[in-house]
PDB file of N, CA and C in Angstrom:
ATOM      1  N   MET A   1      70.569 106.318  84.395  1.00  0.00           N
ATOM      2  CA  MET A   1      71.873 105.765  84.293  1.00  0.00           C
ATOM      3  C   MET A   1      72.757 106.460  83.219  1.00  0.00           C
ATOM      4  N   GLN A   2      74.025 106.695  83.573  1.00  0.00           N
ATOM      5  CA  GLN A   2      74.881 107.448  82.656  1.00  0.00           C
ATOM      6  C   GLN A   2      75.977 106.415  82.244  1.00  0.00           C
ATOM      7  N   LYS A   3      76.515 106.788  81.023  1.00  0.00           N
ATOM      8  CA  LYS A   3      77.580 105.842  80.435  1.00  0.00           C
ATOM      9  C   LYS A   3      78.876 106.405  80.734  1.00  0.00           C
ATOM     10  N   TYR A   4      79.801 105.473  81.268  1.00  0.00           N
ATOM     11  CA  TYR A   4      81.200 105.837  81.656  1.00  0.00           C
ATOM     12  C   TYR A   4      82.192 104.929  80.990  1.00  0.00           C
ATOM     13  N   GLU A   5      83.354 105.436  80.669  1.00  0.00           N
ATOM     14  CA  GLU A   5      84.489 104.691  80.333  1.00  0.00           C
ATOM     15  C   GLU A   5      85.466 104.724  81.448  1.00  0.00           C
ATOM     16  N   ILE A   6      85.860 103.612  81.959  1.00  0.00           N
ATOM     17  CA  ILE A   6      86.710 103.558  83.146  1.00  0.00           C
ATOM     18  C   ILE A   6      87.993 102.771  82.735  1.00  0.00           C
ATOM     19  N   MET A   7      89.103 103.435  82.868  1.00  0.00           N
ATOM     20  CA  MET A   7      90.450 102.736  82.660  1.00  0.00           C
ATOM     21  C   MET A   7      91.221 102.725  83.943  1.00  0.00           C
ATOM     22  N   PHE A   8      91.861 101.630  84.153  1.00  0.00           N
ATOM     23  CA  PHE A   8      92.709 101.530  85.334  1.00  0.00           C
ATOM     24  C   PHE A   8      93.913 100.760  84.976  1.00  0.00           C
ATOM     25  N   ILE A   9      95.029 100.977  85.732  1.00  0.00           N
ATOM     26  CA  ILE A   9      96.303 100.343  85.524  1.00  0.00           C
ATOM     27  C   ILE A   9      96.681  99.603  86.808  1.00  0.00           C
ATOM     28  N   VAL A  10      96.981  98.304  86.606  1.00  0.00           N
ATOM     29  CA  VAL A  10      97.292  97.358  87.695  1.00  0.00           C
ATOM     30  C   VAL A  10      98.762  97.267  87.727  1.00  0.00           C
ATOM     31  N   LYS A  11      99.408  97.198  88.949  1.00  0.00           N
ATOM     32  CA  LYS A  11     100.784  97.015  89.124  1.00  0.00           C
ATOM     33  C   LYS A  11     101.242  95.719  88.465  1.00  0.00           C
ATOM     34  N   PRO A  12     102.491  95.797  87.806  1.00  0.00           N
ATOM     35  CA  PRO A  12     102.935  94.615  87.033  1.00  0.00           C
ATOM     36  C   PRO A  12     103.750  93.620  87.946  1.00  0.00           C
ATOM     37  N   ASP A  13     104.132  93.865  89.174  1.00  0.00           N
ATOM     38  CA  ASP A  13     104.958  93.014  89.997  1.00  0.00           C
ATOM     39  C   ASP A  13     104.257  91.857  90.706  1.00  0.00           C
ATOM     40  N   MET A  14     102.984  91.596  90.307  1.00  0.00           N
ATOM     41  CA  MET A  14     102.225  90.484  90.950  1.00  0.00           C
ATOM     42  C   MET A  14     102.112  89.341  90.029  1.00  0.00           C
ATOM     43  N   GLU A  15     101.602  88.182  90.533  1.00  0.00           N
ATOM     44  CA  GLU A  15     101.379  86.977  89.615  1.00  0.00           C
ATOM     45  C   GLU A  15     100.193  87.389  88.770  1.00  0.00           C
ATOM     46  N   GLU A  16     100.087  86.686  87.640  1.00  0.00           N
ATOM     47  CA  GLU A  16      99.043  86.945  86.598  1.00  0.00           C
ATOM     48  C   GLU A  16      97.652  86.743  87.161  1.00  0.00           C
ATOM     49  N   ALA A  17      97.523  85.636  88.060  1.00  0.00           N
ATOM     50  CA  ALA A  17      96.256  85.331  88.580  1.00  0.00           C
ATOM     51  C   ALA A  17      95.870  86.461  89.559  1.00  0.00           C
ATOM     52  N   GLU A  18      96.760  86.968  90.302  1.00  0.00           N
ATOM     53  CA  GLU A  18      96.474  88.052  91.255  1.00  0.00           C
ATOM     54  C   GLU A  18      96.123  89.392  90.432  1.00  0.00           C
ATOM     55  N   ILE A  19      96.693  89.623  89.359  1.00  0.00           N
ATOM     56  CA  ILE A  19      96.405  90.713  88.399  1.00  0.00           C
ATOM     57  C   ILE A  19      94.858  90.633  88.000  1.00  0.00           C
ATOM     58  N   ARG A  20      94.572  89.380  87.580  1.00  0.00           N
ATOM     59  CA  ARG A  20      93.160  89.165  87.016  1.00  0.00           C
ATOM     60  C   ARG A  20      92.274  89.387  88.237  1.00  0.00           C
ATOM     61  N   LYS A  21      92.586  88.801  89.431  1.00  0.00           N
ATOM     62  CA  LYS A  21      91.765  88.905  90.639  1.00  0.00           C
ATOM     63  C   LYS A  21      91.529  90.378  90.919  1.00  0.00           C
ATOM     64  N   THR A  22      92.484  91.209  90.850  1.00  0.00           N
ATOM     65  CA  THR A  22      92.397  92.614  91.077  1.00  0.00           C
ATOM     66  C   THR A  22      91.390  93.293  90.201  1.00  0.00           C
ATOM     67  N   ALA A  23      91.535  93.029  88.929  1.00  0.00           N
ATOM     68  CA  ALA A  23      90.676  93.588  87.930  1.00  0.00           C
ATOM     69  C   ALA A  23      89.264  93.039  88.098  1.00  0.00           C
ATOM     70  N   GLU A  24      89.001  91.800  88.445  1.00  0.00           N
ATOM     71  CA  GLU A  24      87.654  91.364  88.688  1.00  0.00           C
ATOM     72  C   GLU A  24      87.060  91.978  89.971  1.00  0.00           C
ATOM     73  N   SER A  25      87.932  92.219  91.026  1.00  0.00           N
ATOM     74  CA  SER A  25      87.405  92.885  92.200  1.00  0.00           C
ATOM     75  C   SER A  25      86.952  94.303  91.958  1.00  0.00           C
ATOM     76  N   MET A  26      87.634  94.987  91.040  1.00  0.00           N
ATOM     77  CA  MET A  26      87.285  96.364  90.644  1.00  0.00           C
ATOM     78  C   MET A  26      85.947  96.283  89.799  1.00  0.00           C
ATOM     79  N   LYS A  27      85.825  95.325  88.997  1.00  0.00           N
ATOM     80  CA  LYS A  27      84.548  95.127  88.187  1.00  0.00           C
ATOM     81  C   LYS A  27      83.395  94.845  89.073  1.00  0.00           C
ATOM     82  N   LYS A  28      83.689  94.081  90.213  1.00  0.00           N
ATOM     83  CA  LYS A  28      82.651  93.696  91.253  1.00  0.00           C
ATOM     84  C   LYS A  28      82.230  94.793  91.972  1.00  0.00           C
ATOM     85  N   VAL A  29      83.021  95.826  92.269  1.00  0.00           N
ATOM     86  CA  VAL A  29      82.637  97.018  92.838  1.00  0.00           C
ATOM     87  C   VAL A  29      81.498  97.674  92.134  1.00  0.00           C
ATOM     88  N   LEU A  30      81.530  97.778  90.786  1.00  0.00           N
ATOM     89  CA  LEU A  30      80.567  98.347  89.992  1.00  0.00           C
ATOM     90  C   LEU A  30      79.252  97.524  89.887  1.00  0.00           C
ATOM     91  N   THR A  31      79.416  96.192  89.706  1.00  0.00           N
ATOM     92  CA  THR A  31      78.267  95.320  89.590  1.00  0.00           C
ATOM     93  C   THR A  31      77.522  95.263  90.973  1.00  0.00           C
ATOM     94  N   ASP A  32      78.185  95.364  92.075  1.00  0.00           N
ATOM     95  CA  ASP A  32      77.520  95.332  93.335  1.00  0.00           C
ATOM     96  C   ASP A  32      76.694  96.658  93.572  1.00  0.00           C
ATOM     97  N   ALA A  33      77.123  97.725  92.809  1.00  0.00           N
ATOM     98  CA  ALA A  33      76.501  98.981  92.938  1.00  0.00           C
ATOM     99  C   ALA A  33      75.384  99.082  91.840  1.00  0.00           C
ATOM    100  N   LYS A  34      75.060  97.970  91.228  1.00  0.00           N
ATOM    101  CA  LYS A  34      73.932  97.893  90.190  1.00  0.00           C
ATOM    102  C   LYS A  34      74.339  98.496  88.915  1.00  0.00           C
ATOM    103  N   ALA A  35      75.626  98.563  88.589  1.00  0.00           N
ATOM    104  CA  ALA A  35      76.046  99.102  87.303  1.00  0.00           C
ATOM    105  C   ALA A  35      76.102  97.990  86.301  1.00  0.00           C
ATOM    106  N   LYS A  36      75.834  98.269  85.043  1.00  0.00           N
ATOM    107  CA  LYS A  36      75.845  97.289  83.979  1.00  0.00           C
ATOM    108  C   LYS A  36      77.183  97.465  83.216  1.00  0.00           C
ATOM    109  N   VAL A  37      77.952  96.386  83.049  1.00  0.00           N
ATOM    110  CA  VAL A  37      79.196  96.425  82.358  1.00  0.00           C
ATOM    111  C   VAL A  37      78.816  96.137  80.875  1.00  0.00           C
ATOM    112  N   VAL A  38      79.023  97.090  80.017  1.00  0.00           N
ATOM    113  CA  VAL A  38      78.665  96.993  78.601  1.00  0.00           C
ATOM    114  C   VAL A  38      79.789  96.340  77.815  1.00  0.00           C
ATOM    115  N   GLU A  39      80.977  96.767  78.137  1.00  0.00           N
ATOM    116  CA  GLU A  39      82.147  96.327  77.390  1.00  0.00           C
ATOM    117  C   GLU A  39      83.356  96.157  78.388  1.00  0.00           C
ATOM    118  N   GLU A  40      84.096  95.169  78.219  1.00  0.00           N
ATOM    119  CA  GLU A  40      85.313  94.926  79.097  1.00  0.00           C
ATOM    120  C   GLU A  40      86.492  94.546  78.187  1.00  0.00           C
ATOM    121  N   LYS A  41      87.586  95.213  78.386  1.00  0.00           N
ATOM    122  CA  LYS A  41      88.754  94.942  77.587  1.00  0.00           C
ATOM    123  C   LYS A  41      90.020  94.944  78.380  1.00  0.00           C
ATOM    124  N   ALA A  42      90.695  93.791  78.337  1.00  0.00           N
ATOM    125  CA  ALA A  42      92.011  93.711  79.041  1.00  0.00           C
ATOM    126  C   ALA A  42      93.024  94.024  77.908  1.00  0.00           C
ATOM    127  N   MET A  43      93.722  95.155  78.094  1.00  0.00           N
ATOM    128  CA  MET A  43      94.715  95.634  77.049  1.00  0.00           C
ATOM    129  C   MET A  43      96.115  95.152  77.213  1.00  0.00           C
ATOM    130  N   GLY A  44      96.345  94.366  78.287  1.00  0.00           N
ATOM    131  CA  GLY A  44      97.711  93.748  78.525  1.00  0.00           C
ATOM    132  C   GLY A  44      98.645  94.713  79.183  1.00  0.00           C
ATOM    133  N   GLN A  45      99.845  94.229  79.180  1.00  0.00           N
ATOM    134  CA  GLN A  45     100.947  95.069  79.833  1.00  0.00           C
ATOM    135  C   GLN A  45     101.502  96.069  78.829  1.00  0.00           C
ATOM    136  N   ARG A  46     101.609  97.311  79.237  1.00  0.00           N
ATOM    137  CA  ARG A  46     102.040  98.353  78.267  1.00  0.00           C
ATOM    138  C   ARG A  46     103.054  99.190  79.095  1.00  0.00           C
ATOM    139  N   GLU A  47     103.897  99.872  78.285  1.00  0.00           N
ATOM    140  CA  GLU A  47     104.840 100.827  78.934  1.00  0.00           C
ATOM    141  C   GLU A  47     104.125 102.112  79.292  1.00  0.00           C
ATOM    142  N   LEU A  48     104.374 102.582  80.497  1.00  0.00           N
ATOM    143  CA  LEU A  48     103.796 103.852  81.026  1.00  0.00           C
ATOM    144  C   LEU A  48     104.529 105.097  80.348  1.00  0.00           C
ATOM    145  N   ALA A  49     103.827 106.186  80.252  1.00  0.00           N
ATOM    146  CA  ALA A  49     104.404 107.344  79.650  1.00  0.00           C
ATOM    147  C   ALA A  49     105.510 107.896  80.555  1.00  0.00           C
ATOM    148  N   TYR A  50     105.352 107.705  81.810  1.00  0.00           N
ATOM    149  CA  TYR A  50     106.372 108.100  82.776  1.00  0.00           C
ATOM    150  C   TYR A  50     106.283 107.173  83.989  1.00  0.00           C
ATOM    151  N   GLU A  51     107.260 107.143  84.784  1.00  0.00           N
ATOM    152  CA  GLU A  51     107.358 106.222  85.931  1.00  0.00           C
ATOM    153  C   GLU A  51     106.395 106.574  87.030  1.00  0.00           C
ATOM    154  N   ILE A  52     105.641 105.523  87.483  1.00  0.00           N
ATOM    155  CA  ILE A  52     104.715 105.809  88.574  1.00  0.00           C
ATOM    156  C   ILE A  52     105.090 104.818  89.666  1.00  0.00           C
ATOM    157  N   ARG A  53     105.428 105.323  90.865  1.00  0.00           N
ATOM    158  CA  ARG A  53     105.812 104.535  91.961  1.00  0.00           C
ATOM    159  C   ARG A  53     106.881 103.526  91.629  1.00  0.00           C
ATOM    160  N   LYS A  54     107.905 103.923  90.845  1.00  0.00           N
ATOM    161  CA  LYS A  54     108.979 103.233  90.448  1.00  0.00           C
ATOM    162  C   LYS A  54     108.652 102.030  89.465  1.00  0.00           C
ATOM    163  N   PHE A  55     107.447 102.064  88.900  1.00  0.00           N
ATOM    164  CA  PHE A  55     107.100 101.080  87.807  1.00  0.00           C
ATOM    165  C   PHE A  55     107.123 101.731  86.433  1.00  0.00           C
ATOM    166  N   LYS A  56     107.675 101.054  85.472  1.00  0.00           N
ATOM    167  CA  LYS A  56     107.670 101.586  84.132  1.00  0.00           C
ATOM    168  C   LYS A  56     106.719 100.985  83.224  1.00  0.00           C
ATOM    169  N   THR A  57     106.022  99.802  83.691  1.00  0.00           N
ATOM    170  CA  THR A  57     104.917  99.256  82.874  1.00  0.00           C
ATOM    171  C   THR A  57     103.813  99.002  83.858  1.00  0.00           C
ATOM    172  N   GLY A  58     102.646  98.625  83.228  1.00  0.00           N
ATOM    173  CA  GLY A  58     101.489  98.293  83.927  1.00  0.00           C
ATOM    174  C   GLY A  58     100.451  97.504  83.164  1.00  0.00           C
ATOM    175  N   TYR A  59      99.531  96.849  83.718  1.00  0.00           N
ATOM    176  CA  TYR A  59      98.521  96.115  83.051  1.00  0.00           C
ATOM    177  C   TYR A  59      97.312  97.018  82.910  1.00  0.00           C
ATOM    178  N   TYR A  60      96.905  97.366  81.679  1.00  0.00           N
ATOM    179  CA  TYR A  60      95.780  98.208  81.406  1.00  0.00           C
ATOM    180  C   TYR A  60      94.410  97.533  81.250  1.00  0.00           C
ATOM    181  N   TYR A  61      93.409  98.049  81.851  1.00  0.00           N
ATOM    182  CA  TYR A  61      91.999  97.455  81.716  1.00  0.00           C
ATOM    183  C   TYR A  61      91.079  98.653  81.308  1.00  0.00           C
ATOM    184  N   LEU A  62      90.103  98.329  80.447  1.00  0.00           N
ATOM    185  CA  LEU A  62      89.144  99.346  80.109  1.00  0.00           C
ATOM    186  C   LEU A  62      87.801  98.714  80.280  1.00  0.00           C
ATOM    187  N   LEU A  63      86.846  99.432  80.987  1.00  0.00           N
ATOM    188  CA  LEU A  63      85.504  99.043  81.192  1.00  0.00           C
ATOM    189  C   LEU A  63      84.535 100.136  80.620  1.00  0.00           C
ATOM    190  N   VAL A  64      83.473  99.776  79.970  1.00  0.00           N
ATOM    191  CA  VAL A  64      82.464 100.734  79.545  1.00  0.00           C
ATOM    192  C   VAL A  64      81.222 100.226  80.293  1.00  0.00           C
ATOM    193  N   VAL A  65      80.751 101.127  81.198  1.00  0.00           N
ATOM    194  CA  VAL A  65      79.537 100.745  82.062  1.00  0.00           C
ATOM    195  C   VAL A  65      78.473 101.841  81.904  1.00  0.00           C
ATOM    196  N   GLU A  66      77.320 101.248  82.271  1.00  0.00           N
ATOM    197  CA  GLU A  66      76.160 102.167  82.483  1.00  0.00           C
ATOM    198  C   GLU A  66      75.922 102.140  83.957  1.00  0.00           C
ATOM    199  N   ALA A  67      76.147 103.255  84.645  1.00  0.00           N
ATOM    200  CA  ALA A  67      76.123 103.318  86.026  1.00  0.00           C
ATOM    201  C   ALA A  67      75.382 104.604  86.573  1.00  0.00           C
ATOM    202  N   SER A  68      75.051 104.467  87.878  1.00  0.00           N
ATOM    203  CA  SER A  68      74.531 105.684  88.533  1.00  0.00           C
ATOM    204  C   SER A  68      75.756 106.475  89.029  1.00  0.00           C
ATOM    205  N   LYS A  69      75.505 107.734  89.473  1.00  0.00           N
ATOM    206  CA  LYS A  69      76.597 108.606  89.986  1.00  0.00           C
ATOM    207  C   LYS A  69      77.194 107.990  91.266  1.00  0.00           C
ATOM    208  N   GLU A  70      76.259 107.369  92.008  1.00  0.00           N
ATOM    209  CA  GLU A  70      76.761 106.629  93.302  1.00  0.00           C
ATOM    210  C   GLU A  70      77.745 105.530  93.029  1.00  0.00           C
ATOM    211  N   ALA A  71      77.493 104.740  91.919  1.00  0.00           N
ATOM    212  CA  ALA A  71      78.363 103.561  91.595  1.00  0.00           C
ATOM    213  C   ALA A  71      79.688 104.140  91.031  1.00  0.00           C
ATOM    214  N   GLU A  72      79.698 105.209  90.368  1.00  0.00           N
ATOM    215  CA  GLU A  72      80.891 105.796  89.867  1.00  0.00           C
ATOM    216  C   GLU A  72      81.711 106.378  90.976  1.00  0.00           C
ATOM    217  N   GLN A  73      81.095 106.911  91.937  1.00  0.00           N
ATOM    218  CA  GLN A  73      81.772 107.477  93.092  1.00  0.00           C
ATOM    219  C   GLN A  73      82.377 106.408  94.045  1.00  0.00           C
ATOM    220  N   GLU A  74      81.632 105.257  94.116  1.00  0.00           N
ATOM    221  CA  GLU A  74      82.056 104.098  94.889  1.00  0.00           C
ATOM    222  C   GLU A  74      83.304 103.516  94.276  1.00  0.00           C
ATOM    223  N   PHE A  75      83.364 103.370  92.884  1.00  0.00           N
ATOM    224  CA  PHE A  75      84.459 102.854  92.216  1.00  0.00           C
ATOM    225  C   PHE A  75      85.667 103.740  92.417  1.00  0.00           C
ATOM    226  N   ASN A  76      85.445 105.118  92.294  1.00  0.00           N
ATOM    227  CA  ASN A  76      86.523 106.070  92.542  1.00  0.00           C
ATOM    228  C   ASN A  76      87.116 105.927  93.967  1.00  0.00           C
ATOM    229  N   ARG A  77      86.228 105.765  94.884  1.00  0.00           N
ATOM    230  CA  ARG A  77      86.650 105.625  96.278  1.00  0.00           C
ATOM    231  C   ARG A  77      87.549 104.366  96.520  1.00  0.00           C
ATOM    232  N   VAL A  78      87.006 103.211  95.965  1.00  0.00           N
ATOM    233  CA  VAL A  78      87.799 101.956  96.140  1.00  0.00           C
ATOM    234  C   VAL A  78      89.078 101.961  95.379  1.00  0.00           C
ATOM    235  N   ALA A  79      89.049 102.615  94.210  1.00  0.00           N
ATOM    236  CA  ALA A  79      90.287 102.663  93.411  1.00  0.00           C
ATOM    237  C   ALA A  79      91.416 103.520  94.059  1.00  0.00           C
ATOM    238  N   ARG A  80      91.019 104.492  94.833  1.00  0.00           N
ATOM    239  CA  ARG A  80      92.017 105.312  95.542  1.00  0.00           C
ATOM    240  C   ARG A  80      92.685 104.530  96.623  1.00  0.00           C
ATOM    241  N   ILE A  81      91.830 103.599  97.278  1.00  0.00           N
ATOM    242  CA  ILE A  81      92.364 102.864  98.427  1.00  0.00           C
ATOM    243  C   ILE A  81      93.212 101.626  97.962  1.00  0.00           C
ATOM    244  N   ASN A  82      92.807 101.063  96.840  1.00  0.00           N
ATOM    245  CA  ASN A  82      93.459  99.847  96.349  1.00  0.00           C
ATOM    246  C   ASN A  82      94.928 100.023  96.076  1.00  0.00           C
ATOM    247  N   GLU A  83      95.824  99.418  96.757  1.00  0.00           N
ATOM    248  CA  GLU A  83      97.205  99.592  96.578  1.00  0.00           C
ATOM    249  C   GLU A  83      97.768  98.880  95.301  1.00  0.00           C
ATOM    250  N   ASN A  84      96.985  98.029  94.686  1.00  0.00           N
ATOM    251  CA  ASN A  84      97.420  97.293  93.515  1.00  0.00           C
ATOM    252  C   ASN A  84      97.131  98.096  92.265  1.00  0.00           C
ATOM    253  N   LEU A  85      96.498  99.204  92.341  1.00  0.00           N
ATOM    254  CA  LEU A  85      96.207 100.086  91.153  1.00  0.00           C
ATOM    255  C   LEU A  85      97.239 101.242  91.166  1.00  0.00           C
ATOM    256  N   LEU A  86      97.833 101.511  89.989  1.00  0.00           N
ATOM    257  CA  LEU A  86      98.792 102.536  89.827  1.00  0.00           C
ATOM    258  C   LEU A  86      97.965 103.925  89.582  1.00  0.00           C
ATOM    259  N   ARG A  87      96.995 103.790  88.688  1.00  0.00           N
ATOM    260  CA  ARG A  87      96.146 104.939  88.211  1.00  0.00           C
ATOM    261  C   ARG A  87      94.774 104.454  87.799  1.00  0.00           C
ATOM    262  N   HIS A  88      93.877 105.387  87.807  1.00  0.00           N
ATOM    263  CA  HIS A  88      92.437 105.107  87.208  1.00  0.00           C
ATOM    264  C   HIS A  88      91.986 106.412  86.658  1.00  0.00           C
ATOM    265  N   LEU A  89      91.110 106.236  85.702  1.00  0.00           N
ATOM    266  CA  LEU A  89      90.492 107.449  85.079  1.00  0.00           C
ATOM    267  C   LEU A  89      89.083 107.099  84.720  1.00  0.00           C
ATOM    268  N   ILE A  90      88.102 107.957  85.056  1.00  0.00           N
ATOM    269  CA  ILE A  90      86.683 107.794  84.730  1.00  0.00           C
ATOM    270  C   ILE A  90      86.294 108.931  83.838  1.00  0.00           C
ATOM    271  N   VAL A  91      85.746 108.531  82.699  1.00  0.00           N
ATOM    272  CA  VAL A  91      85.337 109.551  81.690  1.00  0.00           C
ATOM    273  C   VAL A  91      83.810 109.305  81.419  1.00  0.00           C
ATOM    274  N   LYS A  92      83.072 110.426  81.577  1.00  0.00           N
ATOM    275  CA  LYS A  92      81.585 110.354  81.259  1.00  0.00           C
ATOM    276  C   LYS A  92      81.389 110.432  79.731  1.00  0.00           C
ATOM    277  N   VAL A  93      80.759 109.485  79.181  1.00  0.00           N
ATOM    278  CA  VAL A  93      80.519 109.416  77.713  1.00  0.00           C
ATOM    279  C   VAL A  93      79.275 110.099  77.301  1.00  0.00           C
ATOM    280  N   GLU A  94      79.364 111.158  76.489  1.00  0.00           N
ATOM    281  CA  GLU A  94      78.269 111.855  75.970  1.00  0.00           C
ATOM    282  C   GLU A  94      77.672 111.172  74.794  1.00  0.00           C
ATOM    283  N   ASP A  95      76.302 111.147  74.733  1.00  0.00           N
ATOM    284  CA  ASP A  95      75.634 110.428  73.669  1.00  0.00           C
ATOM    285  C   ASP A  95      75.557 111.321  72.388  1.00  0.00           C
TER     286      ASP A  95
END
């Protein structure tokens, strides 16, 4: 199992409950693939460095997970499809 930091940005134009539901569904993608969530941090709404799809803000979430390569690839695949996410970034953490 490799350690990853995953950050994703959720669109700000939804209800707060729907934003949380989107974040939970992305976390569930990892747990369904047998990844272990070590740390989870909701960073709240922040201003984007540049406009993405006409949005100037977004809700930031950070997950630190221990996952297999397959779990990381599945998260990446689902994140690209999910229309509620503006961006995502997966960084492999070196020990």
